[in-house]
């Protein structure tokens, strides 16, 4: 039981750090102010305490994979445009992708 509790605390701490680290890295890169708000810390703390207890590990891998994908998109946008990705540019990205996909489907597949 002691080993289980130690492993559980280790996984919870790693999960909490994984959630907090991107905000800290953004603050190192530009003028983004790293905020350590109580609501965010409580929500991330609860998630960090729940995630190690979830048994279907594929669910945890999918959640962390989605989280990593979102952070990679955020870092690449920050690197290329020198500003963090906001909700409006994310919305425009999905609209433009939809327009490109619709044009490709309507175009009949003429690539040349």
PDB file of N, CA and C in Angstrom:
ATOM      1  N   UNK A   1       0.820  -1.197   0.000  1.00  0.00           N
ATOM      2  CA  UNK A   1       0.000   0.000   0.000  1.00  0.00           C
ATOM      3  C   UNK A   1       0.863   1.259   0.000  1.00  0.00           C
ATOM      4  N   UNK A   2       1.986   1.195   0.711  1.00  0.00           N
ATOM      5  CA  UNK A   2       2.871   2.345   0.787  1.00  0.00           C
ATOM      6  C   UNK A   2       3.488   2.642  -0.580  1.00  0.00           C
ATOM      7  N   UNK A   3       3.866   1.584  -1.310  1.00  0.00           N
ATOM      8  CA  UNK A   3       4.453   1.767  -2.635  1.00  0.00           C
ATOM      9  C   UNK A   3       3.413   2.321  -3.602  1.00  0.00           C
ATOM     10  N   UNK A   4       2.170   1.821  -3.517  1.00  0.00           N
ATOM     11  CA  UNK A   4       1.101   2.325  -4.379  1.00  0.00           C
ATOM     12  C   UNK A   4       0.869   3.810  -4.132  1.00  0.00           C
ATOM     13  N   UNK A   5       0.835   4.215  -2.879  1.00  0.00           N
ATOM     14  CA  UNK A   5       0.599   5.618  -2.553  1.00  0.00           C
ATOM     15  C   UNK A   5       1.749   6.492  -3.048  1.00  0.00           C
ATOM     16  N   UNK A   6       2.979   6.000  -2.934  1.00  0.00           N
ATOM     17  CA  UNK A   6       4.135   6.756  -3.413  1.00  0.00           C
ATOM     18  C   UNK A   6       4.084   6.905  -4.932  1.00  0.00           C
ATOM     19  N   UNK A   7       3.758   5.816  -5.635  1.00  0.00           N
ATOM     20  CA  UNK A   7       3.645   5.882  -7.089  1.00  0.00           C
ATOM     21  C   UNK A   7       2.504   6.798  -7.516  1.00  0.00           C
ATOM     22  N   UNK A   8       1.399   6.732  -6.773  1.00  0.00           N
ATOM     23  CA  UNK A   8       0.252   7.590  -7.071  1.00  0.00           C
ATOM     24  C   UNK A   8       0.624   9.064  -6.919  1.00  0.00           C
ATOM     25  N   UNK A   9       1.314   9.411  -5.850  1.00  0.00           N
ATOM     26  CA  UNK A   9       1.727  10.804  -5.653  1.00  0.00           C
ATOM     27  C   UNK A   9       2.722  11.245  -6.716  1.00  0.00           C
ATOM     28  N   UNK A  10       3.610  10.342  -7.114  1.00  0.00           N
ATOM     29  CA  UNK A  10       4.575  10.662  -8.168  1.00  0.00           C
ATOM     30  C   UNK A  10       3.851  10.937  -9.487  1.00  0.00           C
ATOM     31  N   UNK A  11       2.901  10.082  -9.874  1.00  0.00           N
ATOM     32  CA  UNK A  11       2.147  10.294 -11.108  1.00  0.00           C
ATOM     33  C   UNK A  11       1.304  11.562 -11.044  1.00  0.00           C
ATOM     34  N   UNK A  12       0.719  11.838  -9.888  1.00  0.00           N
ATOM     35  CA  UNK A  12      -0.074  13.062  -9.731  1.00  0.00           C
ATOM     36  C   UNK A  12       0.812  14.299  -9.862  1.00  0.00           C
ATOM     37  N   UNK A  13       1.999  14.267  -9.284  1.00  0.00           N
ATOM     38  CA  UNK A  13       2.913  15.406  -9.385  1.00  0.00           C
ATOM     39  C   UNK A  13       3.388  15.606 -10.819  1.00  0.00           C
ATOM     40  N   UNK A  14       3.710  14.524 -11.516  1.00  0.00           N
ATOM     41  CA  UNK A  14       4.136  14.623 -12.914  1.00  0.00           C
ATOM     42  C   UNK A  14       3.005  15.172 -13.776  1.00  0.00           C
ATOM     43  N   UNK A  15       1.784  14.727 -13.534  1.00  0.00           N
ATOM     44  CA  UNK A  15       0.631  15.229 -14.287  1.00  0.00           C
ATOM     45  C   UNK A  15       0.427  16.716 -14.037  1.00  0.00           C
ATOM     46  N   UNK A  16       0.526  17.140 -12.791  1.00  0.00           N
ATOM     47  CA  UNK A  16       0.362  18.555 -12.463  1.00  0.00           C
ATOM     48  C   UNK A  16       1.442  19.394 -13.136  1.00  0.00           C
ATOM     49  N   UNK A  17       2.672  18.919 -13.114  1.00  0.00           N
ATOM     50  CA  UNK A  17       3.773  19.643 -13.763  1.00  0.00           C
ATOM     51  C   UNK A  17       3.559  19.702 -15.268  1.00  0.00           C
ATOM     52  N   UNK A  18       3.059  18.609 -15.859  1.00  0.00           N
ATOM     53  CA  UNK A  18       2.806  18.598 -17.300  1.00  0.00           C
ATOM     54  C   UNK A  18       1.739  19.614 -17.686  1.00  0.00           C
ATOM     55  N   UNK A  19       0.776  19.855 -16.804  1.00  0.00           N
ATOM     56  CA  UNK A  19      -0.249  20.850 -17.094  1.00  0.00           C
ATOM     57  C   UNK A  19       0.256  22.277 -16.876  1.00  0.00           C
ATOM     58  N   UNK A  20       1.121  22.492 -15.923  1.00  0.00           N
ATOM     59  CA  UNK A  20       1.598  23.834 -15.584  1.00  0.00           C
ATOM     60  C   UNK A  20       2.761  24.278 -16.483  1.00  0.00           C
ATOM     61  N   UNK A  21       3.587  23.355 -16.925  1.00  0.00           N
ATOM     62  CA  UNK A  21       4.817  23.677 -17.646  1.00  0.00           C
ATOM     63  C   UNK A  21       4.614  24.503 -18.918  1.00  0.00           C
ATOM     64  N   UNK A  22       3.629  24.225 -19.787  1.00  0.00           N
ATOM     65  CA  UNK A  22       3.498  25.050 -20.998  1.00  0.00           C
ATOM     66  C   UNK A  22       3.266  26.528 -20.713  1.00  0.00           C
ATOM     67  N   UNK A  23       2.468  26.854 -19.718  1.00  0.00           N
ATOM     68  CA  UNK A  23       2.265  28.260 -19.375  1.00  0.00           C
ATOM     69  C   UNK A  23       3.553  28.925 -18.925  1.00  0.00           C
ATOM     70  N   UNK A  24       4.358  28.184 -18.167  1.00  0.00           N
ATOM     71  CA  UNK A  24       5.647  28.724 -17.739  1.00  0.00           C
ATOM     72  C   UNK A  24       6.578  28.919 -18.934  1.00  0.00           C
ATOM     73  N   UNK A  25       6.574  27.966 -19.876  1.00  0.00           N
ATOM     74  CA  UNK A  25       7.419  28.101 -21.063  1.00  0.00           C
ATOM     75  C   UNK A  25       6.978  29.264 -21.940  1.00  0.00           C
ATOM     76  N   UNK A  26       5.663  29.495 -22.050  1.00  0.00           N
ATOM     77  CA  UNK A  26       5.191  30.651 -22.801  1.00  0.00           C
ATOM     78  C   UNK A  26       5.679  31.945 -22.172  1.00  0.00           C
ATOM     79  N   UNK A  27       5.729  32.003 -20.855  1.00  0.00           N
ATOM     80  CA  UNK A  27       6.169  33.227 -20.187  1.00  0.00           C
ATOM     81  C   UNK A  27       7.658  33.479 -20.404  1.00  0.00           C
ATOM     82  N   UNK A  28       8.438  32.445 -20.635  1.00  0.00           N
ATOM     83  CA  UNK A  28       9.860  32.633 -20.917  1.00  0.00           C
ATOM     84  C   UNK A  28      10.091  33.171 -22.322  1.00  0.00           C
ATOM     85  N   UNK A  29       9.195  32.844 -23.249  1.00  0.00           N
ATOM     86  CA  UNK A  29       9.420  33.176 -24.653  1.00  0.00           C
ATOM     87  C   UNK A  29       9.081  34.621 -24.987  1.00  0.00           C
ATOM     88  N   UNK A  30       7.969  35.120 -24.475  1.00  0.00           N
ATOM     89  CA  UNK A  30       7.558  36.481 -24.830  1.00  0.00           C
ATOM     90  C   UNK A  30       6.959  37.181 -23.609  1.00  0.00           C
ATOM     91  N   UNK A  31       6.135  38.167 -23.848  1.00  0.00           N
ATOM     92  CA  UNK A  31       5.582  38.986 -22.770  1.00  0.00           C
ATOM     93  C   UNK A  31       4.372  38.365 -22.086  1.00  0.00           C
ATOM     94  N   UNK A  32       4.138  37.102 -22.305  1.00  0.00           N
ATOM     95  CA  UNK A  32       3.021  36.412 -21.656  1.00  0.00           C
ATOM     96  C   UNK A  32       3.285  36.349 -20.153  1.00  0.00           C
ATOM     97  N   UNK A  33       2.304  36.744 -19.365  1.00  0.00           N
ATOM     98  CA  UNK A  33       2.451  36.746 -17.911  1.00  0.00           C
ATOM     99  C   UNK A  33       1.958  35.409 -17.369  1.00  0.00           C
ATOM    100  N   UNK A  34       2.831  34.701 -16.711  1.00  0.00           N
ATOM    101  CA  UNK A  34       2.468  33.407 -16.131  1.00  0.00           C
ATOM    102  C   UNK A  34       1.609  33.652 -14.903  1.00  0.00           C
ATOM    103  N   UNK A  35       0.351  33.199 -14.966  1.00  0.00           N
ATOM    104  CA  UNK A  35      -0.591  33.401 -13.864  1.00  0.00           C
ATOM    105  C   UNK A  35      -0.804  32.081 -13.138  1.00  0.00           C
ATOM    106  N   UNK A  36      -0.746  32.146 -11.860  1.00  0.00           N
ATOM    107  CA  UNK A  36      -0.948  30.974 -11.011  1.00  0.00           C
ATOM    108  C   UNK A  36      -2.228  31.210 -10.220  1.00  0.00           C
ATOM    109  N   UNK A  37      -3.369  31.210 -10.936  1.00  0.00           N
ATOM    110  CA  UNK A  37      -4.652  31.524 -10.313  1.00  0.00           C
ATOM    111  C   UNK A  37      -5.166  30.336  -9.518  1.00  0.00           C
ATOM    112  N   UNK A  38      -5.911  30.629  -8.484  1.00  0.00           N
ATOM    113  CA  UNK A  38      -6.413  29.590  -7.589  1.00  0.00           C
ATOM    114  C   UNK A  38      -7.355  28.624  -8.307  1.00  0.00           C
ATOM    115  N   UNK A  39      -8.256  29.139  -9.142  1.00  0.00           N
ATOM    116  CA  UNK A  39      -9.192  28.265  -9.852  1.00  0.00           C
ATOM    117  C   UNK A  39      -8.464  27.300 -10.782  1.00  0.00           C
ATOM    118  N   UNK A  40      -7.475  27.814 -11.506  1.00  0.00           N
ATOM    119  CA  UNK A  40      -6.715  26.958 -12.417  1.00  0.00           C
ATOM    120  C   UNK A  40      -5.927  25.904 -11.654  1.00  0.00           C
ATOM    121  N   UNK A  41      -5.310  26.311 -10.569  1.00  0.00           N
ATOM    122  CA  UNK A  41      -4.519  25.368  -9.774  1.00  0.00           C
ATOM    123  C   UNK A  41      -5.412  24.286  -9.177  1.00  0.00           C
ATOM    124  N   UNK A  42      -6.595  24.667  -8.699  1.00  0.00           N
ATOM    125  CA  UNK A  42      -7.516  23.670  -8.146  1.00  0.00           C
ATOM    126  C   UNK A  42      -8.006  22.703  -9.220  1.00  0.00           C
ATOM    127  N   UNK A  43      -8.356  23.225 -10.395  1.00  0.00           N
ATOM    128  CA  UNK A  43      -8.827  22.355 -11.476  1.00  0.00           C
ATOM    129  C   UNK A  43      -7.722  21.413 -11.940  1.00  0.00           C
ATOM    130  N   UNK A  44      -6.525  21.937 -12.113  1.00  0.00           N
ATOM    131  CA  UNK A  44      -5.412  21.089 -12.536  1.00  0.00           C
ATOM    132  C   UNK A  44      -5.022  20.107 -11.440  1.00  0.00           C
ATOM    133  N   UNK A  45      -5.122  20.534 -10.191  1.00  0.00           N
ATOM    134  CA  UNK A  45      -4.825  19.628  -9.081  1.00  0.00           C
ATOM    135  C   UNK A  45      -5.799  18.468  -9.008  1.00  0.00           C
ATOM    136  N   UNK A  46      -7.076  18.759  -9.197  1.00  0.00           N
ATOM    137  CA  UNK A  46      -8.081  17.688  -9.193  1.00  0.00           C
ATOM    138  C   UNK A  46      -7.849  16.740 -10.364  1.00  0.00           C
ATOM    139  N   UNK A  47      -7.573  17.296 -11.546  1.00  0.00           N
ATOM    140  CA  UNK A  47      -7.289  16.445 -12.706  1.00  0.00           C
ATOM    141  C   UNK A  47      -6.038  15.606 -12.473  1.00  0.00           C
ATOM    142  N   UNK A  48      -5.028  16.206 -11.869  1.00  0.00           N
ATOM    143  CA  UNK A  48      -3.794  15.466 -11.601  1.00  0.00           C
ATOM    144  C   UNK A  48      -4.008  14.360 -10.582  1.00  0.00           C
ATOM    145  N   UNK A  49      -4.928  14.550  -9.657  1.00  0.00           N
ATOM    146  CA  UNK A  49      -5.211  13.506  -8.671  1.00  0.00           C
ATOM    147  C   UNK A  49      -6.117  12.408  -9.226  1.00  0.00           C
ATOM    148  N   UNK A  50      -6.952  12.746 -10.199  1.00  0.00           N
ATOM    149  CA  UNK A  50      -7.865  11.753 -10.765  1.00  0.00           C
ATOM    150  C   UNK A  50      -7.192  10.915 -11.847  1.00  0.00           C
ATOM    151  N   UNK A  51      -6.367  11.524 -12.688  1.00  0.00           N
ATOM    152  CA  UNK A  51      -5.799  10.804 -13.831  1.00  0.00           C
ATOM    153  C   UNK A  51      -5.031   9.536 -13.463  1.00  0.00           C
ATOM    154  N   UNK A  52      -4.211   9.515 -12.418  1.00  0.00           N
ATOM    155  CA  UNK A  52      -3.513   8.254 -12.108  1.00  0.00           C
ATOM    156  C   UNK A  52      -4.444   7.122 -11.679  1.00  0.00           C
ATOM    157  N   UNK A  53      -5.661   7.440 -11.263  1.00  0.00           N
ATOM    158  CA  UNK A  53      -6.594   6.405 -10.812  1.00  0.00           C
ATOM    159  C   UNK A  53      -7.417   5.801 -11.946  1.00  0.00           C
ATOM    160  N   UNK A  54      -7.424   6.437 -13.116  1.00  0.00           N
ATOM    161  CA  UNK A  54      -8.222   5.939 -14.239  1.00  0.00           C
ATOM    162  C   UNK A  54      -7.571   4.678 -14.789  1.00  0.00           C
ATOM    163  N   UNK A  55      -8.350   3.619 -14.897  1.00  0.00           N
ATOM    164  CA  UNK A  55      -7.798   2.330 -15.296  1.00  0.00           C
ATOM    165  C   UNK A  55      -7.615   2.157 -16.796  1.00  0.00           C
ATOM    166  N   UNK A  56      -8.533   2.542 -17.663  1.00  0.00           N
ATOM    167  CA  UNK A  56      -8.200   2.361 -19.083  1.00  0.00           C
ATOM    168  C   UNK A  56      -7.089   3.340 -19.476  1.00  0.00           C
ATOM    169  N   UNK A  57      -5.879   2.858 -19.496  1.00  0.00           N
ATOM    170  CA  UNK A  57      -4.726   3.728 -19.752  1.00  0.00           C
ATOM    171  C   UNK A  57      -4.788   4.355 -21.141  1.00  0.00           C
ATOM    172  N   UNK A  58      -5.506   3.730 -22.074  1.00  0.00           N
ATOM    173  CA  UNK A  58      -5.613   4.302 -23.415  1.00  0.00           C
ATOM    174  C   UNK A  58      -6.332   5.647 -23.359  1.00  0.00           C
ATOM    175  N   UNK A  59      -7.278   5.792 -22.432  1.00  0.00           N
ATOM    176  CA  UNK A  59      -7.966   7.079 -22.261  1.00  0.00           C
ATOM    177  C   UNK A  59      -6.981   8.153 -21.814  1.00  0.00           C
ATOM    178  N   UNK A  60      -6.137   7.819 -20.872  1.00  0.00           N
ATOM    179  CA  UNK A  60      -5.141   8.780 -20.379  1.00  0.00           C
ATOM    180  C   UNK A  60      -4.155   9.135 -21.484  1.00  0.00           C
ATOM    181  N   UNK A  61      -3.738   8.140 -22.257  1.00  0.00           N
ATOM    182  CA  UNK A  61      -2.817   8.395 -23.370  1.00  0.00           C
ATOM    183  C   UNK A  61      -3.473   9.310 -24.399  1.00  0.00           C
ATOM    184  N   UNK A  62      -4.755   9.094 -24.688  1.00  0.00           N
ATOM    185  CA  UNK A  62      -5.471   9.950 -25.640  1.00  0.00           C
ATOM    186  C   UNK A  62      -5.605  11.379 -25.119  1.00  0.00           C
ATOM    187  N   UNK A  63      -5.906  11.532 -23.846  1.00  0.00           N
ATOM    188  CA  UNK A  63      -6.043  12.877 -23.268  1.00  0.00           C
ATOM    189  C   UNK A  63      -4.707  13.607 -23.307  1.00  0.00           C
ATOM    190  N   UNK A  64      -3.634  12.933 -22.900  1.00  0.00           N
ATOM    191  CA  UNK A  64      -2.325  13.580 -22.933  1.00  0.00           C
ATOM    192  C   UNK A  64      -1.845  13.805 -24.363  1.00  0.00           C
ATOM    193  N   UNK A  65      -2.190  12.915 -25.280  1.00  0.00           N
ATOM    194  CA  UNK A  65      -1.843  13.118 -26.689  1.00  0.00           C
ATOM    195  C   UNK A  65      -2.542  14.334 -27.271  1.00  0.00           C
ATOM    196  N   UNK A  66      -3.821  14.492 -26.951  1.00  0.00           N
ATOM    197  CA  UNK A  66      -4.566  15.666 -27.405  1.00  0.00           C
ATOM    198  C   UNK A  66      -3.998  16.938 -26.779  1.00  0.00           C
ATOM    199  N   UNK A  67      -3.665  16.858 -25.512  1.00  0.00           N
ATOM    200  CA  UNK A  67      -3.057  17.998 -24.826  1.00  0.00           C
ATOM    201  C   UNK A  67      -1.713  18.361 -25.465  1.00  0.00           C
ATOM    202  N   UNK A  68      -0.898  17.357 -25.774  1.00  0.00           N
ATOM    203  CA  UNK A  68       0.402  17.609 -26.407  1.00  0.00           C
ATOM    204  C   UNK A  68       0.228  18.194 -27.806  1.00  0.00           C
ATOM    205  N   UNK A  69      -0.765  17.716 -28.554  1.00  0.00           N
ATOM    206  CA  UNK A  69      -1.028  18.261 -29.884  1.00  0.00           C
ATOM    207  C   UNK A  69      -1.428  19.734 -29.802  1.00  0.00           C
ATOM    208  N   UNK A  70      -2.288  20.069 -28.863  1.00  0.00           N
ATOM    209  CA  UNK A  70      -2.695  21.470 -28.706  1.00  0.00           C
ATOM    210  C   UNK A  70      -1.509  22.345 -28.316  1.00  0.00           C
ATOM    211  N   UNK A  71      -0.654  21.841 -27.454  1.00  0.00           N
ATOM    212  CA  UNK A  71       0.512  22.633 -27.048  1.00  0.00           C
ATOM    213  C   UNK A  71       1.509  22.778 -28.192  1.00  0.00           C
ATOM    214  N   UNK A  72       1.666  21.748 -29.021  1.00  0.00           N
ATOM    215  CA  UNK A  72       2.556  21.861 -30.187  1.00  0.00           C
ATOM    216  C   UNK A  72       2.026  22.892 -31.178  1.00  0.00           C
ATOM    217  N   UNK A  73       0.713  22.909 -31.392  1.00  0.00           N
ATOM    218  CA  UNK A  73       0.120  23.927 -32.263  1.00  0.00           C
ATOM    219  C   UNK A  73       0.341  25.314 -31.669  1.00  0.00           C
ATOM    220  N   UNK A  74       0.169  25.441 -30.373  1.00  0.00           N
ATOM    221  CA  UNK A  74       0.370  26.735 -29.714  1.00  0.00           C
ATOM    222  C   UNK A  74       1.830  27.184 -29.821  1.00  0.00           C
ATOM    223  N   UNK A  75       2.773  26.274 -29.586  1.00  0.00           N
ATOM    224  CA  UNK A  75       4.195  26.631 -29.682  1.00  0.00           C
ATOM    225  C   UNK A  75       4.580  26.995 -31.109  1.00  0.00           C
ATOM    226  N   UNK A  76       4.076  26.257 -32.097  1.00  0.00           N
ATOM    227  CA  UNK A  76       4.429  26.577 -33.479  1.00  0.00           C
ATOM    228  C   UNK A  76       3.838  27.923 -33.891  1.00  0.00           C
ATOM    229  N   UNK A  77       2.635  28.231 -33.452  1.00  0.00           N
ATOM    230  CA  UNK A  77       2.049  29.540 -33.747  1.00  0.00           C
ATOM    231  C   UNK A  77       2.837  30.642 -33.046  1.00  0.00           C
ATOM    232  N   UNK A  78       3.244  30.397 -31.839  1.00  0.00           N
ATOM    233  CA  UNK A  78       4.039  31.374 -31.098  1.00  0.00           C
ATOM    234  C   UNK A  78       5.395  31.593 -31.764  1.00  0.00           C
ATOM    235  N   UNK A  79       5.994  30.526 -32.262  1.00  0.00           N
ATOM    236  CA  UNK A  79       7.295  30.644 -32.912  1.00  0.00           C
ATOM    237  C   UNK A  79       7.177  31.383 -34.245  1.00  0.00           C
ATOM    238  N   UNK A  80       6.139  31.069 -35.028  1.00  0.00           N
ATOM    239  CA  UNK A  80       6.020  31.641 -36.369  1.00  0.00           C
ATOM    240  C   UNK A  80       5.494  33.070 -36.344  1.00  0.00           C
ATOM    241  N   UNK A  81       4.439  33.334 -35.575  1.00  0.00           N
ATOM    242  CA  UNK A  81       3.811  34.652 -35.569  1.00  0.00           C
ATOM    243  C   UNK A  81       4.268  35.534 -34.408  1.00  0.00           C
ATOM    244  N   UNK A  82       5.024  34.990 -33.486  1.00  0.00           N
ATOM    245  CA  UNK A  82       5.547  35.704 -32.322  1.00  0.00           C
ATOM    246  C   UNK A  82       4.439  36.240 -31.408  1.00  0.00           C
ATOM    247  N   UNK A  83       3.312  35.543 -31.382  1.00  0.00           N
ATOM    248  CA  UNK A  83       2.236  35.863 -30.444  1.00  0.00           C
ATOM    249  C   UNK A  83       1.452  34.583 -30.178  1.00  0.00           C
ATOM    250  N   UNK A  84       0.873  34.456 -29.001  1.00  0.00           N
ATOM    251  CA  UNK A  84       0.128  33.232 -28.689  1.00  0.00           C
ATOM    252  C   UNK A  84      -1.125  33.092 -29.545  1.00  0.00           C
ATOM    253  N   UNK A  85      -1.531  31.882 -29.745  1.00  0.00           N
ATOM    254  CA  UNK A  85      -2.737  31.580 -30.505  1.00  0.00           C
ATOM    255  C   UNK A  85      -3.956  31.973 -29.678  1.00  0.00           C
ATOM    256  N   UNK A  86      -4.855  32.723 -30.278  1.00  0.00           N
ATOM    257  CA  UNK A  86      -6.080  33.087 -29.568  1.00  0.00           C
ATOM    258  C   UNK A  86      -7.268  32.379 -30.211  1.00  0.00           C
ATOM    259  N   UNK A  87      -8.413  32.515 -29.630  1.00  0.00           N
ATOM    260  CA  UNK A  87      -9.584  31.776 -30.087  1.00  0.00           C
ATOM    261  C   UNK A  87     -10.030  32.233 -31.470  1.00  0.00           C
ATOM    262  N   UNK A  88      -9.811  33.491 -31.820  1.00  0.00           N
ATOM    263  CA  UNK A  88     -10.236  33.985 -33.125  1.00  0.00           C
ATOM    264  C   UNK A  88      -9.379  33.401 -34.240  1.00  0.00           C
ATOM    265  N   UNK A  89      -8.076  33.345 -34.043  1.00  0.00           N
ATOM    266  CA  UNK A  89      -7.220  32.755 -35.073  1.00  0.00           C
ATOM    267  C   UNK A  89      -7.443  31.247 -35.172  1.00  0.00           C
ATOM    268  N   UNK A  90      -7.780  30.603 -34.075  1.00  0.00           N
ATOM    269  CA  UNK A  90      -8.113  29.180 -34.117  1.00  0.00           C
ATOM    270  C   UNK A  90      -9.402  28.963 -34.905  1.00  0.00           C
ATOM    271  N   UNK A  91     -10.380  29.820 -34.705  1.00  0.00           N
ATOM    272  CA  UNK A  91     -11.634  29.746 -35.454  1.00  0.00           C
ATOM    273  C   UNK A  91     -11.377  29.962 -36.946  1.00  0.00           C
ATOM    274  N   UNK A  92     -10.541  30.949 -37.289  1.00  0.00           N
ATOM    275  CA  UNK A  92     -10.205  31.190 -38.692  1.00  0.00           C
ATOM    276  C   UNK A  92      -9.481  30.004 -39.310  1.00  0.00           C
ATOM    277  N   UNK A  93      -8.636  29.341 -38.526  1.00  0.00           N
ATOM    278  CA  UNK A  93      -7.916  28.180 -39.038  1.00  0.00           C
ATOM    279  C   UNK A  93      -8.892  27.073 -39.425  1.00  0.00           C
ATOM    280  N   UNK A  94      -9.903  26.830 -38.595  1.00  0.00           N
ATOM    281  CA  UNK A  94     -10.875  25.790 -38.913  1.00  0.00           C
ATOM    282  C   UNK A  94     -11.769  26.198 -40.077  1.00  0.00           C
ATOM    283  N   UNK A  95     -12.121  27.482 -40.187  1.00  0.00           N
ATOM    284  CA  UNK A  95     -12.937  27.942 -41.315  1.00  0.00           C
ATOM    285  C   UNK A  95     -12.160  27.790 -42.618  1.00  0.00           C
ATOM    286  N   UNK A  96     -10.885  28.196 -42.623  1.00  0.00           N
ATOM    287  CA  UNK A  96     -10.082  28.071 -43.834  1.00  0.00           C
ATOM    288  C   UNK A  96      -9.875  26.612 -44.210  1.00  0.00           C
ATOM    289  N   UNK A  97      -9.685  25.742 -43.237  1.00  0.00           N
ATOM    290  CA  UNK A  97      -9.548  24.321 -43.533  1.00  0.00           C
ATOM    291  C   UNK A  97     -10.838  23.783 -44.136  1.00  0.00           C
ATOM    292  N   UNK A  98     -11.980  24.225 -43.620  1.00  0.00           N
ATOM    293  CA  UNK A  98     -13.267  23.801 -44.174  1.00  0.00           C
ATOM    294  C   UNK A  98     -13.456  24.286 -45.596  1.00  0.00           C
ATOM    295  N   UNK A  99     -13.035  25.521 -45.890  1.00  0.00           N
ATOM    296  CA  UNK A  99     -13.142  26.045 -47.248  1.00  0.00           C
ATOM    297  C   UNK A  99     -12.239  25.283 -48.206  1.00  0.00           C
ATOM    298  N   UNK A 100     -11.039  24.961 -47.777  1.00  0.00           N
ATOM    299  CA  UNK A 100     -10.122  24.195 -48.622  1.00  0.00           C
ATOM    300  C   UNK A 100     -10.675  22.801 -48.885  1.00  0.00           C
ATOM    301  N   UNK A 101     -11.212  22.165 -47.851  1.00  0.00           N
ATOM    302  CA  UNK A 101     -11.780  20.826 -48.027  1.00  0.00           C
ATOM    303  C   UNK A 101     -12.996  20.865 -48.945  1.00  0.00           C
ATOM    304  N   UNK A 102     -13.850  21.876 -48.799  1.00  0.00           N
ATOM    305  CA  UNK A 102     -15.030  21.983 -49.659  1.00  0.00           C
ATOM    306  C   UNK A 102     -14.622  22.252 -51.101  1.00  0.00           C
ATOM    307  N   UNK A 103     -13.623  23.095 -51.315  1.00  0.00           N
ATOM    308  CA  UNK A 103     -13.135  23.368 -52.661  1.00  0.00           C
ATOM    309  C   UNK A 103     -12.550  22.116 -53.289  1.00  0.00           C
ATOM    310  N   UNK A 104     -11.842  21.327 -52.508  1.00  0.00           N
ATOM    311  CA  UNK A 104     -11.256  20.093 -53.032  1.00  0.00           C
ATOM    312  C   UNK A 104     -12.338  19.090 -53.407  1.00  0.00           C
ATOM    313  N   UNK A 105     -13.400  19.013 -52.629  1.00  0.00           N
ATOM    314  CA  UNK A 105     -14.481  18.077 -52.936  1.00  0.00           C
ATOM    315  C   UNK A 105     -15.304  18.534 -54.133  1.00  0.00           C
ATOM    316  N   UNK A 106     -15.540  19.827 -54.266  1.00  0.00           N
ATOM    317  CA  UNK A 106     -16.335  20.351 -55.374  1.00  0.00           C
ATOM    318  C   UNK A 106     -15.522  20.362 -56.659  1.00  0.00           C
ATOM    319  N   UNK A 107     -14.207  20.537 -56.547  1.00  0.00           N
ATOM    320  CA  UNK A 107     -13.347  20.643 -57.722  1.00  0.00           C
ATOM    321  C   UNK A 107     -13.288  19.385 -58.564  1.00  0.00           C
ATOM    322  N   UNK A 108     -13.720  18.271 -58.063  1.00  0.00           N
ATOM    323  CA  UNK A 108     -13.725  17.043 -58.842  1.00  0.00           C
ATOM    324  C   UNK A 108     -12.393  16.328 -58.874  1.00  0.00           C
ATOM    325  N   UNK A 109     -11.448  16.777 -58.117  1.00  0.00           N
ATOM    326  CA  UNK A 109     -10.179  16.065 -58.036  1.00  0.00           C
ATOM    327  C   UNK A 109      -9.169  16.457 -59.096  1.00  0.00           C
ATOM    328  N   UNK A 110      -9.388  17.553 -59.834  1.00  0.00           N
ATOM    329  CA  UNK A 110      -8.422  18.004 -60.835  1.00  0.00           C
ATOM    330  C   UNK A 110      -7.248  18.661 -60.140  1.00  0.00           C
ATOM    331  N   UNK A 111      -6.156  17.940 -60.036  1.00  0.00           N
ATOM    332  CA  UNK A 111      -4.985  18.460 -59.337  1.00  0.00           C
ATOM    333  C   UNK A 111      -4.106  19.257 -60.283  1.00  0.00           C
ATOM    334  N   UNK A 112      -4.040  18.859 -61.546  1.00  0.00           N
ATOM    335  CA  UNK A 112      -3.141  19.521 -62.503  1.00  0.00           C
ATOM    336  C   UNK A 112      -3.710  20.824 -62.989  1.00  0.00           C
TER     337      UNK A 112
END
